[in-house]
């Protein structure tokens, strides 16, 4: 049985223009981890200004640092609960 790496070091290139979302803003709830994090990363890498939201501030701070390191130029966070 082989193990699948859920977090590969390199992702395939996107078929979309890098600046296709330039001038757009996105709020991603649950953006500190998992699918929300990847959505925030993809939006940001395509030019959107991203704000991630979640309940755990320390997770959001770490996610912002990682997104900045991954090339997302405009990312902020807001902690809160959407329930």
Protein backbone atom coordinates (compact mmCIF):
# COMPACT_ATOMS: atom_id res chain seq x y z
CA UNK A 1 0.00 0.00 0.00
CA UNK A 2 1.46 3.35 -1.01
CA UNK A 3 1.14 6.56 0.97
CA UNK A 4 -0.21 9.66 -0.77
CA UNK A 5 1.44 12.93 0.19
CA UNK A 6 -1.44 15.30 0.97
CA UNK A 7 0.84 18.35 1.02
CA UNK A 8 3.27 18.09 -1.89
CA UNK A 9 6.16 20.53 -1.99
CA UNK A 10 5.33 21.52 -5.56
CA UNK A 11 1.91 21.97 -7.11
CA UNK A 12 1.18 21.83 -10.83
CA UNK A 13 1.09 25.15 -12.66
CA UNK A 14 -2.31 26.77 -12.95
CA UNK A 15 -3.93 27.03 -16.38
CA UNK A 16 -5.19 30.54 -15.44
CA UNK A 17 -3.35 33.85 -15.84
CA UNK A 18 -1.49 34.78 -12.62
CA UNK A 19 -3.32 38.13 -12.39
CA UNK A 20 -6.81 37.01 -13.42
CA UNK A 21 -8.22 38.13 -10.03
CA UNK A 22 -6.23 41.36 -9.71
CA UNK A 23 -8.32 44.07 -8.08
CA UNK A 24 -10.70 41.51 -6.53
CA UNK A 25 -11.12 40.77 -2.82
CA UNK A 26 -11.97 37.43 -1.25
CA UNK A 27 -13.00 36.44 2.27
CA UNK A 28 -12.44 32.75 2.98
CA UNK A 29 -14.01 31.29 6.10
CA UNK A 30 -12.03 28.37 7.45
CA UNK A 31 -8.99 29.70 5.59
CA UNK A 32 -6.50 28.74 8.28
CA UNK A 33 -6.28 25.09 7.26
CA UNK A 34 -7.44 22.40 4.89
CA UNK A 35 -9.57 23.19 1.86
CA UNK A 36 -10.13 26.79 2.96
CA UNK A 37 -6.39 27.37 3.14
CA UNK A 38 -5.85 26.00 -0.36
CA UNK A 39 -8.72 28.09 -1.73
CA UNK A 40 -7.16 31.20 -0.14
CA UNK A 41 -3.77 30.27 -1.60
CA UNK A 42 -5.14 29.80 -5.11
CA UNK A 43 -7.15 33.03 -4.99
CA UNK A 44 -4.13 34.95 -3.72
CA UNK A 45 -1.73 33.45 -6.23
CA UNK A 46 -4.09 34.61 -8.97
CA UNK A 47 -4.03 38.21 -7.77
CA UNK A 48 -6.89 38.53 -5.27
CA UNK A 49 -6.47 40.33 -1.96
CA UNK A 50 -7.41 37.64 0.56
CA UNK A 51 -8.78 37.79 4.09
CA UNK A 52 -8.92 34.43 5.86
CA UNK A 53 -11.26 33.90 8.77
CA UNK A 54 -11.45 31.31 11.51
CA UNK A 55 -11.86 30.79 15.24
CA UNK A 56 -8.23 30.09 16.21
CA UNK A 57 -6.04 33.18 15.91
CA UNK A 58 -2.74 31.29 16.23
CA UNK A 59 -3.71 29.04 13.30
CA UNK A 60 -4.61 32.10 11.21
CA UNK A 61 -1.31 33.81 12.00
CA UNK A 62 0.62 30.71 10.89
CA UNK A 63 -1.51 30.45 7.74
CA UNK A 64 -0.84 34.11 6.83
CA UNK A 65 2.90 33.53 7.22
CA UNK A 66 2.72 30.46 4.97
CA UNK A 67 0.58 32.22 2.37
CA UNK A 68 3.04 35.12 2.24
CA UNK A 69 5.89 32.62 1.84
CA UNK A 70 3.92 30.92 -0.97
CA UNK A 71 3.76 34.18 -2.94
CA UNK A 72 0.39 35.60 -1.91
CA UNK A 73 1.13 39.33 -1.76
CA UNK A 74 -2.01 40.63 -0.02
CA UNK A 75 -3.37 38.52 2.84
CA UNK A 76 -4.87 39.39 6.22
CA UNK A 77 -6.90 37.54 8.80
CA UNK A 78 -9.83 38.10 11.13
CA UNK A 79 -10.66 35.74 13.96
CA UNK A 80 -14.31 35.05 14.68
CA UNK A 81 -17.08 32.49 14.52
CA UNK A 82 -19.57 32.57 11.66
CA UNK A 83 -22.15 30.46 13.47
